[in-house]
PDB file of N, CA and C in Angstrom:
ATOM      1  N   MET A   1      83.574  85.392  98.537  1.00  0.00           N
ATOM      2  CA  MET A   1      84.665  85.775  98.082  1.00  0.00           C
ATOM      3  C   MET A   1      85.969  85.064  98.598  1.00  0.00           C
ATOM      4  N   ASN A   2      87.227  85.544  97.676  1.00  0.00           N
ATOM      5  CA  ASN A   2      88.299  84.405  97.613  1.00  0.00           C
ATOM      6  C   ASN A   2      88.792  84.434  99.073  1.00  0.00           C
ATOM      7  N   GLN A   3      89.332  83.468  99.745  1.00  0.00           N
ATOM      8  CA  GLN A   3      89.455  83.650 101.089  1.00  0.00           C
ATOM      9  C   GLN A   3      91.072  84.727 101.200  1.00  0.00           C
ATOM     10  N   ASN A   4      91.979  84.598 100.071  1.00  0.00           N
ATOM     11  CA  ASN A   4      92.906  85.759 100.069  1.00  0.00           C
ATOM     12  C   ASN A   4      92.583  87.038 100.133  1.00  0.00           C
ATOM     13  N   PHE A   5      91.335  87.097 100.056  1.00  0.00           N
ATOM     14  CA  PHE A   5      90.845  88.779  99.804  1.00  0.00           C
ATOM     15  C   PHE A   5      90.299  89.288 100.925  1.00  0.00           C
ATOM     16  N   LEU A   6      89.928  88.348 102.178  1.00  0.00           N
ATOM     17  CA  LEU A   6      89.242  88.558 103.256  1.00  0.00           C
ATOM     18  C   LEU A   6      89.689  89.540 104.077  1.00  0.00           C
ATOM     19  N   TRP A   7      91.128  89.674 104.117  1.00  0.00           N
ATOM     20  CA  TRP A   7      91.501  90.933 104.900  1.00  0.00           C
ATOM     21  C   TRP A   7      91.255  92.396 104.385  1.00  0.00           C
ATOM     22  N   ILE A   8      91.098  92.651 103.196  1.00  0.00           N
ATOM     23  CA  ILE A   8      90.733  93.747 102.439  1.00  0.00           C
ATOM     24  C   ILE A   8      89.311  94.200 103.507  1.00  0.00           C
ATOM     25  N   GLU A   9      88.458  93.533 103.714  1.00  0.00           N
ATOM     26  CA  GLU A   9      87.031  93.899 104.299  1.00  0.00           C
ATOM     27  C   GLU A   9      87.612  94.644 105.868  1.00  0.00           C
ATOM     28  N   GLN A  10      89.108  94.510 106.159  1.00  0.00           N
ATOM     29  CA  GLN A  10      89.101  95.122 107.593  1.00  0.00           C
ATOM     30  C   GLN A  10      89.593  96.318 107.658  1.00  0.00           C
ATOM     31  N   LEU A  11      89.942  96.528 106.355  1.00  0.00           N
ATOM     32  CA  LEU A  11      90.616  98.024 105.903  1.00  0.00           C
ATOM     33  C   LEU A  11      89.670  98.880 106.136  1.00  0.00           C
ATOM     34  N   LYS A  12      89.905 100.426 106.597  1.00  0.00           N
ATOM     35  CA  LYS A  12      89.131 101.622 106.568  1.00  0.00           C
ATOM     36  C   LYS A  12      89.430 102.556 105.625  1.00  0.00           C
ATOM     37  N   PHE A  13      88.328 102.844 104.602  1.00  0.00           N
ATOM     38  CA  PHE A  13      88.559 103.405 103.484  1.00  0.00           C
ATOM     39  C   PHE A  13      88.181 104.776 103.852  1.00  0.00           C
ATOM     40  N   ASN A  14      88.571 105.709 103.283  1.00  0.00           N
ATOM     41  CA  ASN A  14      88.088 107.310 103.455  1.00  0.00           C
ATOM     42  C   ASN A  14      86.723 107.263 102.626  1.00  0.00           C
ATOM     43  N   GLU A  15      86.152 108.666 102.760  1.00  0.00           N
ATOM     44  CA  GLU A  15      84.750 108.813 102.375  1.00  0.00           C
ATOM     45  C   GLU A  15      84.896 108.825 100.889  1.00  0.00           C
ATOM     46  N   LYS A  16      86.083 108.533 100.204  1.00  0.00           N
ATOM     47  CA  LYS A  16      86.593 108.506  98.537  1.00  0.00           C
ATOM     48  C   LYS A  16      86.920 107.151  98.133  1.00  0.00           C
ATOM     49  N   GLY A  17      86.875 106.411  99.336  1.00  0.00           N
ATOM     50  CA  GLY A  17      87.055 104.980  98.816  1.00  0.00           C
ATOM     51  C   GLY A  17      88.594 104.747  98.814  1.00  0.00           C
ATOM     52  N   LEU A  18      89.508 105.842  99.281  1.00  0.00           N
ATOM     53  CA  LEU A  18      90.904 105.461  99.460  1.00  0.00           C
ATOM     54  C   LEU A  18      91.395 105.319 100.646  1.00  0.00           C
ATOM     55  N   ILE A  19      92.582 104.538 100.540  1.00  0.00           N
ATOM     56  CA  ILE A  19      93.321 104.339 101.887  1.00  0.00           C
ATOM     57  C   ILE A  19      95.020 104.590 101.709  1.00  0.00           C
ATOM     58  N   PRO A  20      95.618 105.532 102.331  1.00  0.00           N
ATOM     59  CA  PRO A  20      96.831 105.473 102.314  1.00  0.00           C
ATOM     60  C   PRO A  20      97.753 104.321 102.321  1.00  0.00           C
ATOM     61  N   ALA A  21      98.803 104.376 101.303  1.00  0.00           N
ATOM     62  CA  ALA A  21      99.905 103.245 100.952  1.00  0.00           C
ATOM     63  C   ALA A  21     100.867 103.740 101.212  1.00  0.00           C
ATOM     64  N   ILE A  22     102.011 103.252 102.040  1.00  0.00           N
ATOM     65  CA  ILE A  22     103.304 103.650 101.932  1.00  0.00           C
ATOM     66  C   ILE A  22     103.980 102.425 101.329  1.00  0.00           C
ATOM     67  N   ALA A  23     105.026 102.814 100.453  1.00  0.00           N
ATOM     68  CA  ALA A  23     105.900 101.828  99.877  1.00  0.00           C
ATOM     69  C   ALA A  23     107.454 101.918 100.601  1.00  0.00           C
ATOM     70  N   GLN A  24     107.371 100.874 100.924  1.00  0.00           N
ATOM     71  CA  GLN A  24     108.934 101.067 101.742  1.00  0.00           C
ATOM     72  C   GLN A  24     109.815  99.913 101.120  1.00  0.00           C
ATOM     73  N   ASP A  25     111.242 100.118 101.031  1.00  0.00           N
ATOM     74  CA  ASP A  25     112.205  99.040 100.621  1.00  0.00           C
ATOM     75  C   ASP A  25     112.141  97.909 101.353  1.00  0.00           C
ATOM     76  N   TYR A  26     111.814  96.783 100.820  1.00  0.00           N
ATOM     77  CA  TYR A  26     111.839  95.544 101.780  1.00  0.00           C
ATOM     78  C   TYR A  26     113.301  94.904 102.446  1.00  0.00           C
ATOM     79  N   GLN A  27     114.348  95.511 101.969  1.00  0.00           N
ATOM     80  CA  GLN A  27     115.560  95.429 102.252  1.00  0.00           C
ATOM     81  C   GLN A  27     116.446  96.275 103.265  1.00  0.00           C
ATOM     82  N   ASP A  28     116.036  97.154 103.091  1.00  0.00           N
ATOM     83  CA  ASP A  28     116.464  98.313 104.272  1.00  0.00           C
ATOM     84  C   ASP A  28     115.603  99.025 104.969  1.00  0.00           C
ATOM     85  N   GLY A  29     114.181  99.048 104.523  1.00  0.00           N
ATOM     86  CA  GLY A  29     113.627  99.899 105.284  1.00  0.00           C
ATOM     87  C   GLY A  29     113.185 101.125 105.100  1.00  0.00           C
ATOM     88  N   THR A  30     114.000 101.528 103.658  1.00  0.00           N
ATOM     89  CA  THR A  30     113.800 102.986 103.515  1.00  0.00           C
ATOM     90  C   THR A  30     112.059 103.103 103.033  1.00  0.00           C
ATOM     91  N   ILE A  31     111.767 104.437 103.647  1.00  0.00           N
ATOM     92  CA  ILE A  31     110.334 104.724 103.114  1.00  0.00           C
ATOM     93  C   ILE A  31     110.522 105.487 101.857  1.00  0.00           C
ATOM     94  N   LEU A  32     110.125 105.066 100.488  1.00  0.00           N
ATOM     95  CA  LEU A  32     110.134 105.449  99.408  1.00  0.00           C
ATOM     96  C   LEU A  32     109.147 106.123  98.868  1.00  0.00           C
ATOM     97  N   MET A  33     107.823 106.218  99.131  1.00  0.00           N
ATOM     98  CA  MET A  33     106.885 107.149  98.684  1.00  0.00           C
ATOM     99  C   MET A  33     105.767 106.560  99.265  1.00  0.00           C
ATOM    100  N   MET A  34     104.638 107.509  99.347  1.00  0.00           N
ATOM    101  CA  MET A  34     103.459 107.376 100.095  1.00  0.00           C
ATOM    102  C   MET A  34     102.548 107.556  98.752  1.00  0.00           C
ATOM    103  N   ALA A  35     101.340 106.757  98.663  1.00  0.00           N
ATOM    104  CA  ALA A  35     100.312 107.190  97.511  1.00  0.00           C
ATOM    105  C   ALA A  35      99.105 106.285  98.103  1.00  0.00           C
ATOM    106  N   TRP A  36      98.010 106.544  97.290  1.00  0.00           N
ATOM    107  CA  TRP A  36      96.409 106.008  97.639  1.00  0.00           C
ATOM    108  C   TRP A  36      96.286 104.840  96.946  1.00  0.00           C
ATOM    109  N   MET A  37      95.400 104.183  97.588  1.00  0.00           N
ATOM    110  CA  MET A  37      94.966 102.762  97.062  1.00  0.00           C
ATOM    111  C   MET A  37      93.466 102.897  97.410  1.00  0.00           C
ATOM    112  N   ASN A  38      92.623 101.940  96.394  1.00  0.00           N
ATOM    113  CA  ASN A  38      91.253 101.766  96.502  1.00  0.00           C
ATOM    114  C   ASN A  38      91.179 100.294  96.173  1.00  0.00           C
ATOM    115  N   ARG A  39      90.015  99.792  96.601  1.00  0.00           N
ATOM    116  CA  ARG A  39      89.924  98.259  96.391  1.00  0.00           C
ATOM    117  C   ARG A  39      90.323  97.856  95.220  1.00  0.00           C
ATOM    118  N   GLU A  40      90.350  98.374  93.927  1.00  0.00           N
ATOM    119  CA  GLU A  40      90.407  98.236  92.334  1.00  0.00           C
ATOM    120  C   GLU A  40      92.293  97.849  92.468  1.00  0.00           C
ATOM    121  N   SER A  41      93.067  99.116  93.133  1.00  0.00           N
ATOM    122  CA  SER A  41      94.143  98.776  93.089  1.00  0.00           C
ATOM    123  C   SER A  41      94.765  97.908  93.916  1.00  0.00           C
ATOM    124  N   ILE A  42      94.048  97.782  95.086  1.00  0.00           N
ATOM    125  CA  ILE A  42      94.782  96.427  95.879  1.00  0.00           C
ATOM    126  C   ILE A  42      94.388  95.367  95.028  1.00  0.00           C
ATOM    127  N   TYR A  43      93.573  94.932  94.458  1.00  0.00           N
ATOM    128  CA  TYR A  43      93.339  93.768  93.771  1.00  0.00           C
ATOM    129  C   TYR A  43      94.197  93.448  92.352  1.00  0.00           C
ATOM    130  N   SER A  44      94.229  94.677  91.847  1.00  0.00           N
ATOM    131  CA  SER A  44      95.351  94.557  90.653  1.00  0.00           C
ATOM    132  C   SER A  44      97.067  94.051  91.243  1.00  0.00           C
ATOM    133  N   THR A  45      97.172  94.920  92.423  1.00  0.00           N
ATOM    134  CA  THR A  45      98.468  94.778  93.246  1.00  0.00           C
ATOM    135  C   THR A  45      98.351  93.193  93.406  1.00  0.00           C
ATOM    136  N   LEU A  46      97.506  92.267  94.149  1.00  0.00           N
ATOM    137  CA  LEU A  46      98.109  91.354  94.545  1.00  0.00           C
ATOM    138  C   LEU A  46      97.580  90.315  92.962  1.00  0.00           C
ATOM    139  N   LYS A  47      96.988  90.344  92.113  1.00  0.00           N
ATOM    140  CA  LYS A  47      97.074  89.945  91.106  1.00  0.00           C
ATOM    141  C   LYS A  47      98.257  89.729  90.408  1.00  0.00           C
ATOM    142  N   THR A  48      98.973  90.702  90.447  1.00  0.00           N
ATOM    143  CA  THR A  48      99.896  91.316  89.368  1.00  0.00           C
ATOM    144  C   THR A  48     101.639  90.888  90.270  1.00  0.00           C
ATOM    145  N   ASN A  49     101.506  90.686  91.642  1.00  0.00           N
ATOM    146  CA  ASN A  49     102.603  91.400  92.281  1.00  0.00           C
ATOM    147  C   ASN A  49     103.413  92.680  92.107  1.00  0.00           C
ATOM    148  N   GLU A  50     102.483  93.504  91.382  1.00  0.00           N
ATOM    149  CA  GLU A  50     103.317  94.563  91.203  1.00  0.00           C
ATOM    150  C   GLU A  50     102.413  95.793  91.826  1.00  0.00           C
ATOM    151  N   ALA A  51     102.983  97.111  92.119  1.00  0.00           N
ATOM    152  CA  ALA A  51     102.128  97.833  92.638  1.00  0.00           C
ATOM    153  C   ALA A  51     101.280  98.629  91.817  1.00  0.00           C
ATOM    154  N   HIS A  52     100.057  98.610  92.269  1.00  0.00           N
ATOM    155  CA  HIS A  52      99.056  99.520  91.551  1.00  0.00           C
ATOM    156  C   HIS A  52      98.410 100.620  92.477  1.00  0.00           C
ATOM    157  N   TYR A  53      98.022 102.011  92.226  1.00  0.00           N
ATOM    158  CA  TYR A  53      97.591 102.935  93.166  1.00  0.00           C
ATOM    159  C   TYR A  53      96.463 103.683  92.312  1.00  0.00           C
ATOM    160  N   TRP A  54      95.917 104.369  93.034  1.00  0.00           N
ATOM    161  CA  TRP A  54      94.962 105.195  92.803  1.00  0.00           C
ATOM    162  C   TRP A  54      95.349 106.705  92.473  1.00  0.00           C
ATOM    163  N   SER A  55      95.129 107.023  91.195  1.00  0.00           N
ATOM    164  CA  SER A  55      95.758 108.590  90.900  1.00  0.00           C
ATOM    165  C   SER A  55      95.018 109.655  91.246  1.00  0.00           C
ATOM    166  N   ARG A  56      94.572 110.582  92.004  1.00  0.00           N
ATOM    167  CA  ARG A  56      93.385 111.053  92.228  1.00  0.00           C
ATOM    168  C   ARG A  56      93.837 112.372  91.575  1.00  0.00           C
ATOM    169  N   SER A  57      94.694 112.680  90.599  1.00  0.00           N
ATOM    170  CA  SER A  57      94.799 113.751  89.907  1.00  0.00           C
ATOM    171  C   SER A  57      94.469 113.161  88.182  1.00  0.00           C
ATOM    172  N   ARG A  58      94.557 111.978  88.401  1.00  0.00           N
ATOM    173  CA  ARG A  58      94.091 111.624  86.882  1.00  0.00           C
ATOM    174  C   ARG A  58      92.603 110.557  87.126  1.00  0.00           C
ATOM    175  N   ASN A  59      92.482 110.405  88.133  1.00  0.00           N
ATOM    176  CA  ASN A  59      91.349 109.803  88.692  1.00  0.00           C
ATOM    177  C   ASN A  59      91.091 108.548  87.903  1.00  0.00           C
ATOM    178  N   GLU A  60      92.211 107.677  88.018  1.00  0.00           N
ATOM    179  CA  GLU A  60      92.338 106.654  87.244  1.00  0.00           C
ATOM    180  C   GLU A  60      93.305 105.483  88.159  1.00  0.00           C
ATOM    181  N   LEU A  61      93.111 104.398  87.830  1.00  0.00           N
ATOM    182  CA  LEU A  61      94.075 103.230  88.291  1.00  0.00           C
ATOM    183  C   LEU A  61      95.894 103.460  87.553  1.00  0.00           C
ATOM    184  N   TRP A  62      96.570 103.371  88.375  1.00  0.00           N
ATOM    185  CA  TRP A  62      97.698 103.816  88.058  1.00  0.00           C
ATOM    186  C   TRP A  62      99.080 102.768  88.142  1.00  0.00           C
ATOM    187  N   HIS A  63      99.458 101.707  87.368  1.00  0.00           N
ATOM    188  CA  HIS A  63     100.494 100.761  87.370  1.00  0.00           C
ATOM    189  C   HIS A  63     101.644 101.552  87.649  1.00  0.00           C
ATOM    190  N   LYS A  64     102.597 101.362  88.855  1.00  0.00           N
ATOM    191  CA  LYS A  64     103.625 102.319  89.526  1.00  0.00           C
ATOM    192  C   LYS A  64     104.644 101.473  88.587  1.00  0.00           C
ATOM    193  N   GLY A  65     105.516 102.355  87.448  1.00  0.00           N
ATOM    194  CA  GLY A  65     106.548 102.097  86.538  1.00  0.00           C
ATOM    195  C   GLY A  65     105.881 101.712  85.310  1.00  0.00           C
ATOM    196  N   GLY A  66     104.600 101.573  84.969  1.00  0.00           N
ATOM    197  CA  GLY A  66     103.963 100.884  83.905  1.00  0.00           C
ATOM    198  C   GLY A  66     104.802 101.876  82.895  1.00  0.00           C
ATOM    199  N   SER A  67     105.275 103.300  82.836  1.00  0.00           N
ATOM    200  CA  SER A  67     105.396 103.980  81.525  1.00  0.00           C
ATOM    201  C   SER A  67     107.308 104.098  81.739  1.00  0.00           C
ATOM    202  N   SER A  68     107.568 104.006  82.900  1.00  0.00           N
ATOM    203  CA  SER A  68     109.084 104.480  83.249  1.00  0.00           C
ATOM    204  C   SER A  68     109.802 103.164  83.501  1.00  0.00           C
ATOM    205  N   GLY A  69     109.064 101.867  83.581  1.00  0.00           N
ATOM    206  CA  GLY A  69     109.844 100.796  84.047  1.00  0.00           C
ATOM    207  C   GLY A  69     110.600 100.703  85.484  1.00  0.00           C
ATOM    208  N   HIS A  70     110.075 101.503  86.275  1.00  0.00           N
ATOM    209  CA  HIS A  70     110.368 101.606  87.606  1.00  0.00           C
ATOM    210  C   HIS A  70     109.276 101.107  88.252  1.00  0.00           C
ATOM    211  N   ILE A  71     109.150  99.864  88.295  1.00  0.00           N
ATOM    212  CA  ILE A  71     107.981  99.231  88.915  1.00  0.00           C
ATOM    213  C   ILE A  71     108.142  98.452  90.222  1.00  0.00           C
ATOM    214  N   GLN A  72     107.276  98.362  90.917  1.00  0.00           N
ATOM    215  CA  GLN A  72     107.685  98.265  92.431  1.00  0.00           C
ATOM    216  C   GLN A  72     106.772  96.540  92.625  1.00  0.00           C
ATOM    217  N   LYS A  73     108.246  95.795  92.947  1.00  0.00           N
ATOM    218  CA  LYS A  73     107.846  94.407  93.128  1.00  0.00           C
ATOM    219  C   LYS A  73     106.971  94.163  94.541  1.00  0.00           C
ATOM    220  N   ILE A  74     106.115  93.452  94.461  1.00  0.00           N
ATOM    221  CA  ILE A  74     105.327  93.392  96.318  1.00  0.00           C
ATOM    222  C   ILE A  74     106.154  91.921  96.782  1.00  0.00           C
ATOM    223  N   LYS A  75     106.856  92.480  97.879  1.00  0.00           N
ATOM    224  CA  LYS A  75     107.528  91.453  98.679  1.00  0.00           C
ATOM    225  C   LYS A  75     106.646  91.252  99.836  1.00  0.00           C
ATOM    226  N   GLU A  76     105.311  92.087 100.465  1.00  0.00           N
ATOM    227  CA  GLU A  76     105.075  91.837 102.043  1.00  0.00           C
ATOM    228  C   GLU A  76     104.315  92.981 101.497  1.00  0.00           C
ATOM    229  N   ILE A  77     102.773  92.558 102.200  1.00  0.00           N
ATOM    230  CA  ILE A  77     101.669  93.820 102.555  1.00  0.00           C
ATOM    231  C   ILE A  77     101.246  93.589 103.978  1.00  0.00           C
ATOM    232  N   LEU A  78     101.240  94.946 104.386  1.00  0.00           N
ATOM    233  CA  LEU A  78     100.848  95.028 105.924  1.00  0.00           C
ATOM    234  C   LEU A  78     100.007  96.236 106.195  1.00  0.00           C
ATOM    235  N   TYR A  79      99.025  95.877 107.036  1.00  0.00           N
ATOM    236  CA  TYR A  79      98.008  97.038 107.468  1.00  0.00           C
ATOM    237  C   TYR A  79      98.374  97.558 108.853  1.00  0.00           C
ATOM    238  N   ASP A  80      98.234  98.489 109.438  1.00  0.00           N
ATOM    239  CA  ASP A  80      98.151  99.171 110.541  1.00  0.00           C
ATOM    240  C   ASP A  80      96.914  98.452 111.769  1.00  0.00           C
ATOM    241  N   CYS A  81      97.332  98.839 113.128  1.00  0.00           N
ATOM    242  CA  CYS A  81      96.056  98.260 113.959  1.00  0.00           C
ATOM    243  C   CYS A  81      94.592  98.492 113.777  1.00  0.00           C
ATOM    244  N   ASP A  82      94.882 100.117 113.353  1.00  0.00           N
ATOM    245  CA  ASP A  82      93.471 100.600 113.250  1.00  0.00           C
ATOM    246  C   ASP A  82      92.618 100.148 111.673  1.00  0.00           C
ATOM    247  N   GLY A  83      93.656  99.714 110.533  1.00  0.00           N
ATOM    248  CA  GLY A  83      93.296  99.045 109.288  1.00  0.00           C
ATOM    249  C   GLY A  83      92.921 100.570 108.558  1.00  0.00           C
ATOM    250  N   ASP A  84      93.785 101.206 108.706  1.00  0.00           N
ATOM    251  CA  ASP A  84      93.315 102.827 108.104  1.00  0.00           C
ATOM    252  C   ASP A  84      94.751 102.980 107.157  1.00  0.00           C
ATOM    253  N   THR A  85      95.744 102.299 107.239  1.00  0.00           N
ATOM    254  CA  THR A  85      97.086 102.498 106.360  1.00  0.00           C
ATOM    255  C   THR A  85      97.546 101.214 106.215  1.00  0.00           C
ATOM    256  N   ILE A  86      98.213 101.264 104.679  1.00  0.00           N
ATOM    257  CA  ILE A  86      98.710  99.983 104.252  1.00  0.00           C
ATOM    258  C   ILE A  86     100.298 100.370 104.068  1.00  0.00           C
ATOM    259  N   VAL A  87     101.107  99.195 104.224  1.00  0.00           N
ATOM    260  CA  VAL A  87     102.640  99.005 103.947  1.00  0.00           C
ATOM    261  C   VAL A  87     102.767  98.284 103.041  1.00  0.00           C
ATOM    262  N   LEU A  88     103.523  98.615 101.786  1.00  0.00           N
ATOM    263  CA  LEU A  88     103.888  97.825 100.755  1.00  0.00           C
ATOM    264  C   LEU A  88     105.607  97.502 100.970  1.00  0.00           C
ATOM    265  N   LYS A  89     105.783  96.732 101.244  1.00  0.00           N
ATOM    266  CA  LYS A  89     106.825  96.148 101.202  1.00  0.00           C
ATOM    267  C   LYS A  89     107.577  95.742 100.064  1.00  0.00           C
ATOM    268  N   ILE A  90     108.422  96.433  99.582  1.00  0.00           N
ATOM    269  CA  ILE A  90     108.539  96.291  97.618  1.00  0.00           C
ATOM    270  C   ILE A  90     110.276  96.425  97.522  1.00  0.00           C
ATOM    271  N   GLU A  91     110.159  95.618  96.329  1.00  0.00           N
ATOM    272  CA  GLU A  91     111.489  95.526  95.641  1.00  0.00           C
ATOM    273  C   GLU A  91     111.751  96.756  94.268  1.00  0.00           C
ATOM    274  N   GLN A  92     112.212  97.933  94.567  1.00  0.00           N
ATOM    275  CA  GLN A  92     112.188  98.932  93.728  1.00  0.00           C
ATOM    276  C   GLN A  92     112.971  98.737  92.508  1.00  0.00           C
ATOM    277  N   VAL A  93     112.405  98.375  91.374  1.00  0.00           N
ATOM    278  CA  VAL A  93     113.223  98.219  90.192  1.00  0.00           C
ATOM    279  C   VAL A  93     113.711  99.531  89.674  1.00  0.00           C
ATOM    280  N   GLY A  94     115.054  99.406  89.261  1.00  0.00           N
ATOM    281  CA  GLY A  94     115.554 100.667  88.684  1.00  0.00           C
ATOM    282  C   GLY A  94     115.886 101.644  90.119  1.00  0.00           C
ATOM    283  N   ASP A  95     115.702 101.275  91.239  1.00  0.00           N
ATOM    284  CA  ASP A  95     116.072 102.075  92.297  1.00  0.00           C
ATOM    285  C   ASP A  95     115.509 103.785  92.335  1.00  0.00           C
ATOM    286  N   ILE A  96     114.336 103.733  91.797  1.00  0.00           N
ATOM    287  CA  ILE A  96     113.843 105.459  91.425  1.00  0.00           C
ATOM    288  C   ILE A  96     112.349 105.049  92.012  1.00  0.00           C
ATOM    289  N   ALA A  97     112.135 105.570  92.788  1.00  0.00           N
ATOM    290  CA  ALA A  97     110.459 105.739  93.324  1.00  0.00           C
ATOM    291  C   ALA A  97     109.793 106.580  92.712  1.00  0.00           C
ATOM    292  N   CYS A  98     110.462 108.107  93.212  1.00  0.00           N
ATOM    293  CA  CYS A  98     110.104 109.660  93.100  1.00  0.00           C
ATOM    294  C   CYS A  98     110.022 109.761  91.480  1.00  0.00           C
ATOM    295  N   HIS A  99     108.721 110.551  91.404  1.00  0.00           N
ATOM    296  CA  HIS A  99     108.612 111.492  89.930  1.00  0.00           C
ATOM    297  C   HIS A  99     109.681 112.278  89.674  1.00  0.00           C
ATOM    298  N   THR A 100     110.468 112.506  90.824  1.00  0.00           N
ATOM    299  CA  THR A 100     111.508 113.686  90.367  1.00  0.00           C
ATOM    300  C   THR A 100     112.692 112.803  90.115  1.00  0.00           C
ATOM    301  N   GLY A 101     113.062 111.776  89.844  1.00  0.00           N
ATOM    302  CA  GLY A 101     114.088 110.851  89.689  1.00  0.00           C
ATOM    303  C   GLY A 101     114.920 110.453  90.371  1.00  0.00           C
ATOM    304  N   VAL A 102     114.421 110.776  91.811  1.00  0.00           N
ATOM    305  CA  VAL A 102     115.505 110.202  92.787  1.00  0.00           C
ATOM    306  C   VAL A 102     114.870 109.020  93.449  1.00  0.00           C
ATOM    307  N   ARG A 103     115.575 108.171  94.525  1.00  0.00           N
ATOM    308  CA  ARG A 103     115.478 107.257  95.135  1.00  0.00           C
ATOM    309  C   ARG A 103     113.601 106.965  95.543  1.00  0.00           C
ATOM    310  N   SER A 104     113.643 108.229  96.813  1.00  0.00           N
ATOM    311  CA  SER A 104     112.729 108.320  97.624  1.00  0.00           C
ATOM    312  C   SER A 104     112.267 109.351  97.436  1.00  0.00           C
ATOM    313  N   CYS A 105     110.713 109.679  97.790  1.00  0.00           N
ATOM    314  CA  CYS A 105     110.113 111.168  97.402  1.00  0.00           C
ATOM    315  C   CYS A 105     110.513 111.649  98.867  1.00  0.00           C
ATOM    316  N   PHE A 106     111.042 110.879 100.237  1.00  0.00           N
ATOM    317  CA  PHE A 106     111.024 112.040 101.101  1.00  0.00           C
ATOM    318  C   PHE A 106     112.353 112.253 101.213  1.00  0.00           C
ATOM    319  N   PHE A 107     113.052 113.216 100.666  1.00  0.00           N
ATOM    320  CA  PHE A 107     114.137 114.118 100.922  1.00  0.00           C
ATOM    321  C   PHE A 107     114.267 115.652 101.065  1.00  0.00           C
ATOM    322  N   ASN A 108     113.245 116.158 101.800  1.00  0.00           N
ATOM    323  CA  ASN A 108     113.050 117.156 101.996  1.00  0.00           C
ATOM    324  C   ASN A 108     113.265 117.626 103.686  1.00  0.00           C
ATOM    325  N   SER A 109     114.252 117.748 104.390  1.00  0.00           N
ATOM    326  CA  SER A 109     114.685 117.398 105.781  1.00  0.00           C
ATOM    327  C   SER A 109     114.546 118.729 106.190  1.00  0.00           C
ATOM    328  N   VAL A 110     113.827 118.856 107.747  1.00  0.00           N
ATOM    329  CA  VAL A 110     113.367 120.101 108.402  1.00  0.00           C
ATOM    330  C   VAL A 110     114.209 120.165 109.592  1.00  0.00           C
ATOM    331  N   PRO A 111     114.863 121.344 109.810  1.00  0.00           N
ATOM    332  CA  PRO A 111     115.641 121.121 110.936  1.00  0.00           C
ATOM    333  C   PRO A 111     114.865 121.096 112.398  1.00  0.00           C
ATOM    334  N   ILE A 112     115.582 120.382 113.593  1.00  0.00           N
ATOM    335  CA  ILE A 112     114.680 119.964 114.674  1.00  0.00           C
ATOM    336  C   ILE A 112     115.526 120.880 115.327  1.00  0.00           C
ATOM    337  N   LYS A 113     114.798 121.668 116.013  1.00  0.00           N
ATOM    338  CA  LYS A 113     115.695 122.457 117.298  1.00  0.00           C
ATOM    339  C   LYS A 113     115.044 122.191 118.510  1.00  0.00           C
ATOM    340  N   THR A 114     116.044 121.867 119.364  1.00  0.00           N
ATOM    341  CA  THR A 114     116.090 121.318 120.641  1.00  0.00           C
ATOM    342  C   THR A 114     115.479 122.486 121.522  1.00  0.00           C
ATOM    343  N   PHE A 115     114.421 122.553 122.507  1.00  0.00           N
ATOM    344  CA  PHE A 115     113.892 123.606 122.867  1.00  0.00           C
ATOM    345  C   PHE A 115     114.159 123.351 124.504  1.00  0.00           C
ATOM    346  N   VAL A 116     114.940 124.389 125.376  1.00  0.00           N
ATOM    347  CA  VAL A 116     114.990 124.176 126.687  1.00  0.00           C
ATOM    348  C   VAL A 116     113.711 124.640 127.519  1.00  0.00           C
ATOM    349  N   LEU A 117     112.967 123.982 128.137  1.00  0.00           N
ATOM    350  CA  LEU A 117     112.196 124.564 129.068  1.00  0.00           C
ATOM    351  C   LEU A 117     112.240 125.160 130.411  1.00  0.00           C
ATOM    352  N   ILE A 118     112.241 126.571 130.578  1.00  0.00           N
ATOM    353  CA  ILE A 118     112.324 127.165 131.593  1.00  0.00           C
ATOM    354  C   ILE A 118     111.364 127.111 132.831  1.00  0.00           C
TER     355      ILE A 118
END
């Protein structure tokens, strides 16, 4: 196996062979989206330096921005201490990551109430 791919063996994929991947803007740290990756999508990402994910709804490899032009250029890949989540630090071309047409998928705010314990 290529030395550049050995780190993939450290990852813990779920029972469907998937691992969550968080896309984060490499410049300002904004979390843009979360998607799933499998080994094939990771290899495609590494080969092209553009994000590829696994579409669970279509059950196929998905090149992010392949049809819209809003590709994600890879700047860095990290994985967490447990090896069960990936972070892709990316340059979001066109500044739109969400399928709704906005920059980030995370725009639904939940009000946080401070509770006083008596």
